[in-house]
Protein backbone atom coordinates (compact mmCIF):
# COMPACT_ATOMS: atom_id res chain seq x y z
CA MET A 1 -85.71 -9.99 -27.02
CA GLN A 2 -87.06 -7.58 -24.43
CA GLN A 3 -90.47 -8.39 -23.05
CA GLY A 4 -92.95 -5.93 -21.71
CA LYS A 5 -95.68 -5.99 -19.15
CA ILE A 6 -99.33 -6.06 -20.13
CA VAL A 7 -101.51 -3.97 -17.86
CA ASN A 8 -105.23 -4.64 -17.54
CA GLU A 9 -107.96 -4.45 -14.92
CA THR A 10 -106.56 -7.40 -12.94
CA SER A 11 -103.11 -5.88 -12.56
CA PRO A 12 -101.98 -4.78 -9.06
CA LEU A 13 -101.06 -1.54 -10.77
CA LEU A 14 -104.70 -0.76 -11.49
CA GLN A 15 -105.97 -1.98 -8.11
CA ASN A 16 -104.36 1.05 -6.51
CA PRO A 17 -107.14 3.54 -5.63
CA SER A 18 -104.62 6.39 -5.40
CA ILE A 19 -103.89 6.23 -9.14
CA ASN A 20 -106.00 8.68 -11.09
CA GLN A 21 -108.05 7.72 -14.13
CA ALA A 22 -105.81 9.50 -16.63
CA THR A 23 -102.79 7.55 -15.48
CA LYS A 24 -104.75 4.30 -15.54
CA SER A 25 -105.81 5.09 -19.08
CA ASN A 26 -102.18 5.58 -20.08
CA ALA A 27 -101.30 2.27 -18.51
CA ARG A 28 -104.12 0.53 -20.38
CA ASN A 29 -102.88 2.06 -23.61
CA ALA A 30 -99.55 0.34 -22.94
CA ILE A 31 -97.20 3.28 -23.19
CA SER A 32 -93.52 2.34 -22.98
CA PHE A 33 -91.71 4.70 -20.65
CA GLU A 34 -88.19 3.36 -20.18
CA GLU A 35 -85.96 0.64 -21.54
CA ARG A 36 -85.97 -2.41 -19.36
CA LEU A 37 -82.87 -2.92 -17.23
CA ILE A 38 -83.26 -6.72 -17.00
CA ASP A 39 -84.27 -8.98 -19.87
CA ALA A 40 -86.96 -11.58 -19.16
CA GLU A 41 -85.10 -14.35 -20.97
CA ILE A 42 -86.97 -17.41 -19.70
CA ASP A 43 -90.55 -18.07 -20.83
CA THR A 44 -92.44 -19.72 -17.97
CA GLY A 45 -95.33 -20.82 -20.18
CA GLU A 46 -99.07 -20.82 -19.59
CA ILE A 47 -100.68 -21.07 -16.17
CA GLU A 48 -101.14 -24.66 -14.95
CA ASP A 49 -103.72 -25.69 -12.37
CA THR A 50 -101.60 -28.44 -10.78
CA PHE A 51 -98.02 -28.67 -9.60
CA SER A 52 -95.54 -29.31 -12.39
CA TRP A 53 -91.88 -30.31 -12.08
CA ARG A 54 -91.33 -28.93 -15.57
CA LYS A 55 -92.75 -25.62 -14.46
CA LEU A 56 -90.56 -25.62 -11.32
CA TRP A 57 -87.51 -26.16 -13.53
CA LYS A 58 -88.40 -23.05 -15.55
CA TYR A 59 -88.50 -20.98 -12.38
CA THR A 60 -85.35 -22.58 -10.92
CA GLY A 61 -82.30 -20.33 -10.97
CA PRO A 62 -82.77 -17.10 -8.98
CA GLY A 63 -82.83 -19.03 -5.70
CA LEU A 64 -79.56 -20.78 -6.56
CA LEU A 65 -77.77 -17.48 -7.08
CA MET A 66 -79.42 -16.02 -3.98
CA SER A 67 -78.32 -18.96 -1.80
CA ILE A 68 -74.65 -18.28 -2.54
CA ALA A 69 -74.75 -15.39 -0.06
CA TYR A 70 -75.36 -18.01 2.64
CA LEU A 71 -72.26 -19.91 1.52
CA ASP A 72 -69.65 -17.20 1.05
CA PRO A 73 -66.23 -17.48 2.79
CA GLY A 74 -67.35 -15.20 5.63
CA ASN A 75 -70.19 -17.56 6.50
CA LEU A 76 -67.95 -20.62 6.15
CA GLU A 77 -65.58 -19.08 8.70
CA ALA A 78 -68.51 -18.37 11.03
CA ASP A 79 -69.56 -22.04 10.63
CA LEU A 80 -66.20 -23.53 11.46
CA GLN A 81 -65.70 -21.24 14.45
CA SER A 82 -69.16 -21.95 15.86
CA GLY A 83 -68.45 -25.68 15.61
CA ALA A 84 -64.99 -25.21 17.10
CA VAL A 85 -66.18 -23.21 20.13
CA ALA A 86 -69.66 -24.68 20.75
CA GLY A 87 -69.65 -28.14 19.20
CA TYR A 88 -73.09 -29.10 17.92
CA SER A 89 -74.93 -26.70 20.24
CA LEU A 90 -75.57 -23.93 17.69
CA LEU A 91 -77.02 -26.09 14.91
CA TRP A 92 -80.52 -25.04 15.94
CA LEU A 93 -79.55 -21.40 15.49
CA LEU A 94 -78.09 -22.14 12.08
CA LEU A 95 -81.41 -23.72 11.07
CA THR A 96 -83.37 -20.78 12.51
CA ALA A 97 -81.23 -18.31 10.55
CA HIS A 98 -82.01 -20.17 7.32
CA ILE A 99 -85.75 -20.29 8.07
CA ALA A 100 -85.76 -16.54 8.78
CA GLY A 101 -83.74 -16.04 5.62
CA GLN A 102 -86.33 -17.98 3.62
CA LEU A 103 -89.12 -15.65 4.76
CA ILE A 104 -87.13 -12.54 3.95
CA GLN A 105 -85.99 -13.86 0.57
CA CYS A 106 -89.59 -14.75 -0.32
CA LEU A 107 -90.61 -11.15 0.39
CA SER A 108 -87.78 -9.94 -1.82
CA ALA A 109 -88.84 -12.24 -4.67
CA ARG A 110 -92.51 -11.27 -4.32
CA LEU A 111 -91.58 -7.61 -4.53
CA GLY A 112 -89.87 -8.16 -7.88
CA VAL A 113 -92.61 -10.41 -9.29
CA VAL A 114 -95.58 -8.24 -8.32
CA THR A 115 -94.16 -4.81 -9.16
CA GLY A 116 -91.88 -5.73 -12.05
CA ASN A 117 -89.20 -3.61 -10.37
CA HIS A 118 -86.45 -4.62 -7.99
CA LEU A 119 -85.74 -3.23 -4.54
CA ALA A 120 -83.27 -0.51 -5.58
CA GLN A 121 -85.65 0.84 -8.23
CA LEU A 122 -88.54 0.96 -5.78
CA ILE A 123 -86.50 2.70 -3.10
CA ARG A 124 -85.63 5.34 -5.68
CA GLN A 125 -89.34 5.78 -6.49
CA TYR A 126 -90.78 5.71 -2.98
CA TYR A 127 -88.15 7.34 -0.76
CA PRO A 128 -86.81 10.92 -0.66
CA ARG A 129 -83.70 11.34 -2.78
CA PRO A 130 -81.27 12.03 0.11
CA VAL A 131 -82.48 8.90 1.92
CA SER A 132 -82.15 6.73 -1.20
CA ILE A 133 -78.59 8.04 -1.73
CA ALA A 134 -77.79 7.08 1.87
CA PHE A 135 -79.21 3.60 1.20
CA TRP A 136 -77.02 3.30 -1.90
CA LEU A 137 -73.84 4.34 -0.05
CA ILE A 138 -74.49 1.88 2.78
CA THR A 139 -75.24 -0.91 0.30
CA GLU A 140 -71.97 -0.23 -1.56
CA ILE A 141 -70.13 -0.44 1.76
CA ALA A 142 -71.78 -3.83 2.38
CA ILE A 143 -70.79 -5.04 -1.10
CA ILE A 144 -67.19 -3.90 -0.52
CA GLY A 145 -67.12 -5.74 2.81
CA SER A 146 -68.48 -8.88 1.20
CA ASP A 147 -66.01 -8.58 -1.68
CA ILE A 148 -63.06 -8.42 0.71
CA GLN A 149 -64.12 -11.68 2.36
CA GLU A 150 -64.71 -13.37 -0.97
CA ILE A 151 -61.44 -12.18 -2.51
CA VAL A 152 -59.34 -13.22 0.47
CA GLY A 153 -61.22 -16.50 0.86
CA THR A 154 -60.51 -17.37 -2.76
CA ALA A 155 -56.86 -16.35 -2.32
CA ILE A 156 -56.56 -18.65 0.71
CA ALA A 157 -57.99 -21.54 -1.32
CA LEU A 158 -55.49 -20.87 -4.12
CA LYS A 159 -52.62 -20.81 -1.62
CA ILE A 160 -53.65 -24.16 -0.14
CA LEU A 161 -54.07 -25.76 -3.55
CA PHE A 162 -51.19 -24.23 -5.52
CA ARG A 163 -48.93 -22.54 -2.91
CA ILE A 164 -49.65 -19.16 -4.51
CA PRO A 165 -48.83 -16.17 -2.24
CA LEU A 166 -51.93 -14.62 -0.77
CA TRP A 167 -51.40 -11.19 -2.31
CA VAL A 168 -51.04 -12.78 -5.77
CA GLY A 169 -54.23 -14.78 -5.18
CA THR A 170 -56.16 -11.63 -4.34
CA LEU A 171 -55.09 -10.12 -7.66
CA LEU A 172 -56.00 -13.26 -9.60
CA THR A 173 -59.49 -13.20 -8.09
CA ALA A 174 -60.25 -10.08 -10.12
CA MET A 175 -60.41 -12.39 -13.15
CA ASP A 176 -63.92 -13.39 -12.07
CA THR A 177 -65.11 -10.16 -13.71
CA PHE A 178 -63.97 -11.40 -17.11
CA THR A 179 -65.52 -14.82 -16.45
CA PHE A 180 -68.78 -13.08 -15.65
CA MET A 181 -68.59 -10.96 -18.82
CA LEU A 182 -68.16 -14.13 -20.88
CA LEU A 183 -70.96 -16.07 -19.21
CA GLN A 184 -73.38 -13.15 -19.19
CA SER A 185 -73.13 -12.92 -22.96
CA TYR A 186 -74.39 -16.52 -23.25
CA GLY A 187 -77.54 -15.90 -21.21
CA VAL A 188 -78.76 -16.36 -17.66
CA ARG A 189 -79.25 -20.13 -17.98
CA LYS A 190 -75.53 -20.68 -18.57
CA LEU A 191 -74.75 -18.64 -15.49
CA GLU A 192 -77.24 -20.62 -13.43
CA ALA A 193 -75.70 -23.88 -14.68
CA LEU A 194 -72.29 -22.72 -13.45
CA PHE A 195 -73.73 -22.03 -10.01
CA MET A 196 -75.30 -25.49 -9.88
CA VAL A 197 -71.83 -26.93 -10.50
CA LEU A 198 -70.20 -24.73 -7.84
CA ILE A 199 -72.85 -25.48 -5.21
CA SER A 200 -72.56 -29.20 -5.99
CA THR A 201 -68.79 -28.94 -5.58
CA MET A 202 -69.20 -27.39 -2.12
CA ALA A 203 -71.75 -30.00 -1.11
CA ILE A 204 -69.58 -32.92 -2.23
CA CYS A 205 -66.37 -31.61 -0.63
CA PHE A 206 -67.81 -30.65 2.73
CA TRP A 207 -70.07 -33.68 3.05
CA ILE A 208 -67.21 -36.05 2.28
CA GLU A 209 -65.30 -34.39 5.11
CA MET A 210 -68.27 -34.73 7.40
CA PHE A 211 -68.50 -38.46 6.78
CA MET A 212 -64.72 -38.76 7.19
CA SER A 213 -65.00 -37.14 10.63
CA ASP A 214 -67.59 -39.73 11.75
CA PRO A 215 -69.82 -37.32 13.71
CA ASP A 216 -72.21 -38.32 16.48
CA VAL A 217 -75.68 -38.42 14.87
CA VAL A 218 -77.48 -38.20 18.22
CA ASP A 219 -75.55 -35.02 19.11
CA ILE A 220 -76.39 -33.54 15.70
CA ILE A 221 -80.11 -34.15 16.30
CA LYS A 222 -79.90 -32.69 19.82
CA GLY A 223 -78.01 -29.64 18.57
CA THR A 224 -80.63 -29.10 15.87
CA LEU A 225 -83.70 -29.48 18.07
CA ILE A 226 -82.65 -28.21 21.52
CA PRO A 227 -81.99 -24.46 21.74
CA THR A 228 -78.89 -23.82 23.87
CA ILE A 229 -76.15 -21.20 23.71
CA PRO A 230 -72.97 -22.00 25.66
CA ARG A 231 -71.68 -19.00 27.58
CA LYS A 232 -68.35 -18.92 25.76
CA ALA A 233 -70.09 -19.14 22.37
CA PHE A 234 -72.28 -16.06 22.77
CA VAL A 235 -70.33 -13.98 20.23
CA GLU A 236 -70.41 -16.79 17.65
CA ALA A 237 -74.16 -17.20 18.20
CA VAL A 238 -74.76 -13.51 17.61
CA ALA A 239 -72.54 -13.65 14.51
CA ILE A 240 -74.67 -16.45 13.03
CA ILE A 241 -77.82 -14.33 13.38
CA GLY A 242 -76.23 -11.19 12.04
CA ALA A 243 -74.02 -12.47 9.23
CA PHE A 244 -76.12 -14.91 7.24
CA ILE A 245 -78.51 -12.52 5.50
CA MET A 246 -76.55 -10.17 3.23
CA PRO A 247 -78.03 -6.72 2.48
CA HIS A 248 -77.12 -6.73 -1.21
CA ASN A 249 -78.69 -10.19 -1.52
CA LEU A 250 -82.15 -8.66 -1.06
CA TYR A 251 -81.52 -6.36 -4.02
CA LEU A 252 -80.13 -9.26 -6.03
CA HIS A 253 -83.03 -11.65 -5.45
CA SER A 254 -85.72 -9.09 -6.24
CA ALA A 255 -83.95 -8.44 -9.55
CA LEU A 256 -83.18 -12.05 -10.52
CA VAL A 257 -86.84 -13.07 -10.54
CA MET A 258 -87.35 -10.57 -13.36
CA THR A 259 -85.32 -12.86 -15.67
CA ARG A 260 -88.47 -15.02 -15.87
CA ARG A 261 -91.24 -13.89 -18.21
CA THR A 262 -94.40 -13.47 -16.16
CA ASN A 263 -97.56 -11.66 -17.20
CA ASN A 264 -97.92 -9.01 -14.50
CA ALA A 265 -101.45 -8.26 -15.72
CA SER A 266 -102.66 -11.64 -14.49
CA ASN A 267 -103.15 -12.23 -10.78
CA SER A 268 -103.15 -15.97 -11.40
CA LYS A 269 -99.79 -15.83 -13.13
CA ILE A 270 -98.33 -13.69 -10.34
CA LYS A 271 -99.57 -16.20 -7.75
CA GLU A 272 -98.02 -19.02 -9.75
CA ALA A 273 -94.69 -17.20 -9.95
CA ASN A 274 -94.74 -16.40 -6.23
CA PHE A 275 -95.43 -20.06 -5.40
CA TYR A 276 -92.65 -21.51 -7.55
CA PHE A 277 -90.10 -18.87 -6.60
CA SER A 278 -90.85 -19.48 -2.90
CA LEU A 279 -90.50 -23.23 -3.38
CA GLU A 280 -87.29 -22.86 -5.35
CA SER A 281 -85.84 -20.53 -2.70
CA GLY A 282 -86.74 -23.01 0.03
CA ILE A 283 -85.02 -25.87 -1.80
CA ALA A 284 -81.90 -23.75 -2.44
CA LEU A 285 -81.68 -22.64 1.19
CA PHE A 286 -82.24 -26.21 2.38
CA PHE A 287 -79.13 -27.31 0.48
CA SER A 288 -77.34 -24.24 1.81
CA TYR A 289 -78.23 -25.34 5.33
CA LEU A 290 -76.95 -28.86 4.70
CA ILE A 291 -73.61 -27.48 3.49
CA ASN A 292 -73.25 -25.10 6.43
CA MET A 293 -74.31 -27.84 8.82
CA ALA A 294 -71.60 -30.13 7.44
CA ILE A 295 -68.90 -27.54 8.20
CA VAL A 296 -70.18 -26.95 11.74
CA THR A 297 -70.35 -30.70 12.31
CA VAL A 298 -66.83 -31.38 11.04
CA PHE A 299 -65.21 -28.82 13.34
CA ALA A 300 -67.41 -29.82 16.25
CA LYS A 301 -65.91 -33.28 15.85
CA VAL A 302 -62.26 -32.54 15.03
CA PHE A 303 -61.61 -29.37 17.09
CA TYR A 304 -64.21 -28.74 19.81
CA SER A 305 -63.25 -29.49 23.39
CA SER A 306 -65.43 -28.56 26.36
CA ASN A 307 -62.45 -28.64 28.74
CA GLU A 308 -59.85 -26.73 26.75
CA ASP A 309 -59.72 -23.19 25.40
CA ARG A 310 -57.70 -22.89 22.21
CA PRO A 311 -57.35 -20.12 19.62
CA LEU A 312 -60.09 -20.54 17.04
CA PRO A 313 -58.98 -21.53 13.54
CA GLY A 314 -59.52 -19.27 10.54
CA LEU A 315 -60.03 -20.26 6.92
CA TYR A 316 -56.34 -21.04 6.34
CA ASP A 317 -55.73 -22.72 9.71
CA ALA A 318 -58.80 -24.88 9.12
CA ALA A 319 -56.93 -26.78 6.40
CA ASP A 320 -54.19 -27.72 8.89
CA VAL A 321 -56.73 -28.75 11.53
CA LEU A 322 -58.44 -31.05 9.04
CA ALA A 323 -55.18 -32.47 7.68
CA ASN A 324 -53.95 -33.31 11.20
CA THR A 325 -57.12 -35.20 12.11
CA LEU A 326 -58.63 -36.52 8.86
CA GLY A 327 -55.58 -36.86 6.62
CA ASP A 328 -53.96 -34.74 3.95
CA ALA A 329 -56.79 -35.30 1.44
CA SER A 330 -59.15 -33.30 3.66
CA ARG A 331 -56.93 -30.24 3.22
CA TYR A 332 -57.57 -30.22 -0.51
CA LEU A 333 -61.26 -30.99 -0.15
CA TRP A 334 -61.55 -27.95 2.11
CA ALA A 335 -59.61 -25.77 -0.32
CA LEU A 336 -61.68 -26.90 -3.30
CA GLY A 337 -64.94 -26.19 -1.49
CA LEU A 338 -63.61 -22.81 -0.34
CA LEU A 339 -62.55 -21.98 -3.90
CA ALA A 340 -66.06 -22.79 -5.17
CA ALA A 341 -67.57 -20.61 -2.42
CA GLY A 342 -65.28 -17.67 -3.11
CA SER A 343 -65.61 -17.83 -6.89
CA SER A 344 -69.40 -18.06 -6.88
CA SER A 345 -69.87 -15.29 -4.34
CA THR A 346 -67.60 -12.87 -6.23
CA ILE A 347 -69.75 -13.38 -9.33
CA THR A 348 -73.01 -12.74 -7.45
CA GLY A 349 -71.37 -9.65 -5.93
CA THR A 350 -70.65 -8.45 -9.46
CA LEU A 351 -74.25 -9.02 -10.48
CA ALA A 352 -75.67 -7.36 -7.36
CA GLY A 353 -73.45 -4.32 -7.88
CA GLN A 354 -74.91 -3.77 -11.34
CA TYR A 355 -78.51 -3.99 -10.16
CA VAL A 356 -77.86 -1.73 -7.18
CA ILE A 357 -76.22 1.16 -9.02
CA GLU A 358 -78.61 1.08 -11.99
CA GLY A 359 -81.60 0.71 -9.71
CA PHE A 360 -80.69 3.79 -7.72
CA PHE A 361 -79.53 5.91 -10.65
CA GLY A 362 -81.30 4.47 -13.72
CA LYS A 363 -79.80 3.07 -16.91
CA ILE A 364 -76.77 5.36 -17.04
CA PHE A 365 -74.48 3.08 -19.07
CA LYS A 366 -74.78 2.75 -22.84
CA LYS A 367 -73.02 -0.60 -23.21
CA PRO A 368 -73.08 -3.71 -20.98
CA TRP A 369 -69.29 -3.80 -20.59
CA HIS A 370 -69.30 -0.16 -19.42
CA ARG A 371 -71.86 -1.09 -16.78
CA LEU A 372 -69.90 -4.14 -15.66
CA LEU A 373 -66.52 -2.40 -15.56
CA ILE A 374 -67.65 0.70 -13.67
CA THR A 375 -70.05 -0.95 -11.22
CA ARG A 376 -67.50 -3.66 -10.47
CA SER A 377 -64.67 -1.16 -10.04
CA ILE A 378 -66.65 0.81 -7.43
CA ALA A 379 -66.55 -2.21 -5.13
CA LEU A 380 -63.54 -4.13 -6.43
CA VAL A 381 -60.83 -1.43 -6.28
CA PRO A 382 -61.20 -0.64 -2.55
CA SER A 383 -61.78 -4.34 -1.86
CA MET A 384 -58.52 -5.30 -3.57
CA PHE A 385 -56.64 -2.56 -1.73
CA VAL A 386 -57.89 -3.66 1.69
CA ALA A 387 -57.53 -7.36 0.87
CA VAL A 388 -53.90 -7.06 -0.22
CA TYR A 389 -52.90 -5.09 2.87
CA SER A 390 -54.90 -7.09 5.40
CA VAL A 391 -54.61 -10.55 3.91
CA ASN A 392 -52.23 -11.82 6.59
CA ASN A 393 -54.58 -10.64 9.37
CA PHE A 394 -57.77 -11.79 7.72
CA ASP A 395 -59.17 -13.64 10.73
CA ASN A 396 -59.47 -10.38 12.68
CA MET A 397 -60.62 -8.53 9.57
CA GLY A 398 -63.27 -11.17 8.82
CA GLU A 399 -64.93 -10.66 12.20
CA ILE A 400 -65.07 -6.90 11.65
CA LEU A 401 -66.49 -7.35 8.14
CA ASN A 402 -69.25 -9.64 9.40
CA VAL A 403 -70.23 -6.96 11.91
CA LEU A 404 -70.11 -4.30 9.17
CA GLN A 405 -72.46 -6.22 6.89
CA SER A 406 -74.79 -6.96 9.76
CA LEU A 407 -74.98 -3.23 10.53
CA CYS A 408 -75.77 -2.52 6.86
CA LEU A 409 -78.59 -5.07 6.69
CA PRO A 410 -81.43 -3.00 8.29
CA THR A 411 -81.08 -0.35 5.58
CA ALA A 412 -82.18 -2.96 3.03
CA LEU A 413 -84.48 -4.95 5.29
CA ILE A 414 -86.60 -2.05 6.61
CA PRO A 415 -87.45 -0.68 3.12
CA LEU A 416 -88.28 -4.23 2.01
CA MET A 417 -90.71 -4.64 4.93
CA LYS A 418 -92.37 -1.28 4.30
CA LEU A 419 -92.69 -1.75 0.53
CA THR A 420 -94.14 -5.27 0.73
CA ASN A 421 -96.57 -4.12 3.43
CA SER A 422 -97.87 -1.27 1.25
CA LYS A 423 -101.10 -1.58 -0.75
CA SER A 424 -99.99 1.22 -3.07
CA VAL A 425 -96.89 -0.80 -4.01
CA MET A 426 -98.13 -4.40 -4.00
CA GLY A 427 -101.87 -3.99 -4.62
CA LYS A 428 -104.56 -5.20 -2.26
CA ASN A 429 -104.16 -8.86 -3.28
CA PHE A 430 -100.40 -9.13 -2.78
CA LYS A 431 -99.47 -6.93 0.16
CA THR A 432 -98.15 -8.93 3.11
CA ASN A 433 -100.95 -10.18 5.36
CA ASP A 434 -101.01 -9.26 9.04
CA PHE A 435 -99.59 -12.55 10.32
CA TRP A 436 -96.50 -12.52 8.11
CA ARG A 437 -96.14 -8.78 8.58
CA TYR A 438 -95.80 -9.27 12.34
CA ILE A 439 -93.39 -12.18 11.90
CA SER A 440 -91.22 -10.28 9.41
CA TRP A 441 -91.03 -7.23 11.67
CA ILE A 442 -90.12 -9.43 14.66
CA ILE A 443 -87.25 -10.87 12.61
CA THR A 444 -86.20 -7.36 11.64
CA LEU A 445 -86.21 -6.19 15.27
CA VAL A 446 -84.20 -9.24 16.33
CA ILE A 447 -81.60 -8.43 13.68
CA ILE A 448 -81.45 -4.79 14.78
CA GLY A 449 -81.04 -5.94 18.39
CA THR A 450 -78.31 -8.32 17.28
CA ASN A 451 -76.59 -5.43 15.55
CA LEU A 452 -76.63 -3.47 18.78
CA ILE A 453 -74.99 -6.35 20.64
CA LEU A 454 -72.39 -6.81 17.90
CA PHE A 455 -71.65 -3.09 17.87
CA LEU A 456 -71.17 -2.92 21.63
CA GLU A 457 -68.95 -6.01 21.46
CA GLN A 458 -66.72 -4.40 18.84
CA LEU A 459 -66.85 -0.96 20.46
CA ASN A 460 -64.52 -2.04 23.26
CA LYS A 461 -61.94 -3.07 20.67
CA MET A 462 -61.91 0.30 18.88
CA PRO A 463 -58.86 2.54 19.42
CA ASN A 464 -61.05 5.66 19.75
CA LEU A 465 -64.00 4.93 21.99
CA PHE A 466 -65.49 8.44 21.66
CA LEU A 467 -65.54 8.21 17.85
CA GLY A 468 -67.20 4.83 18.14
CA TYR A 469 -70.01 6.23 20.25
CA ILE A 470 -70.53 9.12 17.82
CA CYS A 471 -70.72 6.81 14.77
CA GLY A 472 -72.92 4.34 16.61
CA GLY A 473 -75.29 7.08 17.75
CA ILE A 474 -75.64 8.46 14.21
CA TYR A 475 -76.25 4.94 12.87
CA PHE A 476 -79.00 4.01 15.32
CA VAL A 477 -80.71 7.40 14.96
CA PHE A 478 -80.80 6.79 11.20
CA ILE A 479 -82.25 3.30 11.70
CA VAL A 480 -85.01 4.70 13.93
CA TYR A 481 -85.66 7.46 11.38
CA ILE A 482 -86.12 5.10 8.41
CA THR A 483 -88.24 2.76 10.54
CA PHE A 484 -90.83 5.48 11.11
CA LEU A 485 -90.35 7.32 7.81
CA PRO A 486 -93.49 6.75 5.69
CA ILE A 487 -93.01 5.84 2.05
CA LYS A 488 -94.70 7.84 -0.66
CA GLU A 489 -98.30 6.67 -0.98
CA THR A 490 -98.55 7.52 -4.67
CA ARG A 491 -96.28 6.23 -7.32
CA ASP A 492 -94.74 8.20 -10.17
CA LEU A 493 -96.01 5.93 -12.87
CA LEU A 494 -93.94 7.63 -15.55
CA LYS A 495 -90.98 5.82 -14.00
CA ILE A 496 -92.53 2.38 -14.29
CA ASN A 497 -90.43 0.35 -16.61
CA ASN A 498 -91.67 -0.93 -19.94
CA ILE A 499 -95.45 -0.89 -19.77
CA SER A 500 -96.18 -2.15 -23.26
CA ASP A 501 -98.18 -4.65 -25.18
């Protein structure tokens, strides 16, 4: 059953002084303008004055799906290589990346809760059409890049487990679309339960390997608390900063919170939802950190050497490294964890693709399977093509894809900062306060600076240096442009979804 939003005098919608009285009157009369794109399936109940574990359970789910982006095969490869080249030294940076991710993900969730619209929908409403189309194209490129890593990562896991050729494994990975179609028909709770199982599988596999490796606890604590970057690990350090926060994940999280039924007319209910979603996101990212930390720790123990330079292992080579040092069982634990990471991230990529295209273009598909098939094909077809032809050189491809997604991130992050900082979007009670606004923009500038370093690092490897400078110049001019481009101060309320009683 589709649920609407009730609009009254306490709603952020009616706090906006730029909205004229006629439009406010229409909102009060609860006119339904457009069919809702996301069903609010889960009833979160009445407002409670004290903390409730039962209430937290009702809000638990969006953060689990969001955290998968921090555990995809591309990030797992970044983990193992940072441990292999720097030992425990970059654990502090891994923790910092997760803390920064928590702040950004909270802003994404707040945007969805307060406005009742997700990031793609709001960009369509508040930005000029050519700019929003550019955002959509860049986001699709990021999803394609992520899909390639996830497809090949899953194929590598299947090869380790079942000796399936890599190109066959990449084709089999497309079956996740049908799995998603089946699970989606049973409701969002079934999908969230699957992700709990997959995250638990990763945690069990990688933590067993960590205990098998018998790491030095004192070195782990030092690496977590003392900020150092070894000279030879500079590229891996930059990759950690740039690769952990996925651009399409911001769209995904702002949409997933809308699966919970919250009364957007009540400031108290919105505050409750923001609190529990922030807490749930923090818990999910804490477990994500523990899983990533386990991988870094294992390869710091079994591969790192301060006196010897060796070629860094990739996802497939990692299984051999583990088997040679920890025994053959570790090979299959690695493959099983990698399979869980690849499978879960391909499903979230499917979900994000649907929200992105319908957010930017509206509800253009009549049936759910049309939406799934077309939105998935936009990303999956080129991903499969690239994955099949580059699968044997994936280690080099993976580094390029991490850089690509990092370059795409500001085009999602900058609109998120500007929208959550706007009183006309969030209302006077829910716009980001000055302290967190400064912190969030500092994080954004650090990421943009990281992108510049990554770009210059990859530029020297490009076959056509002149073309690289041209593309890089266009990219950074666009980033500067959207940074200073003001969003529309008034909102076209006829596009607000489902204002009804």
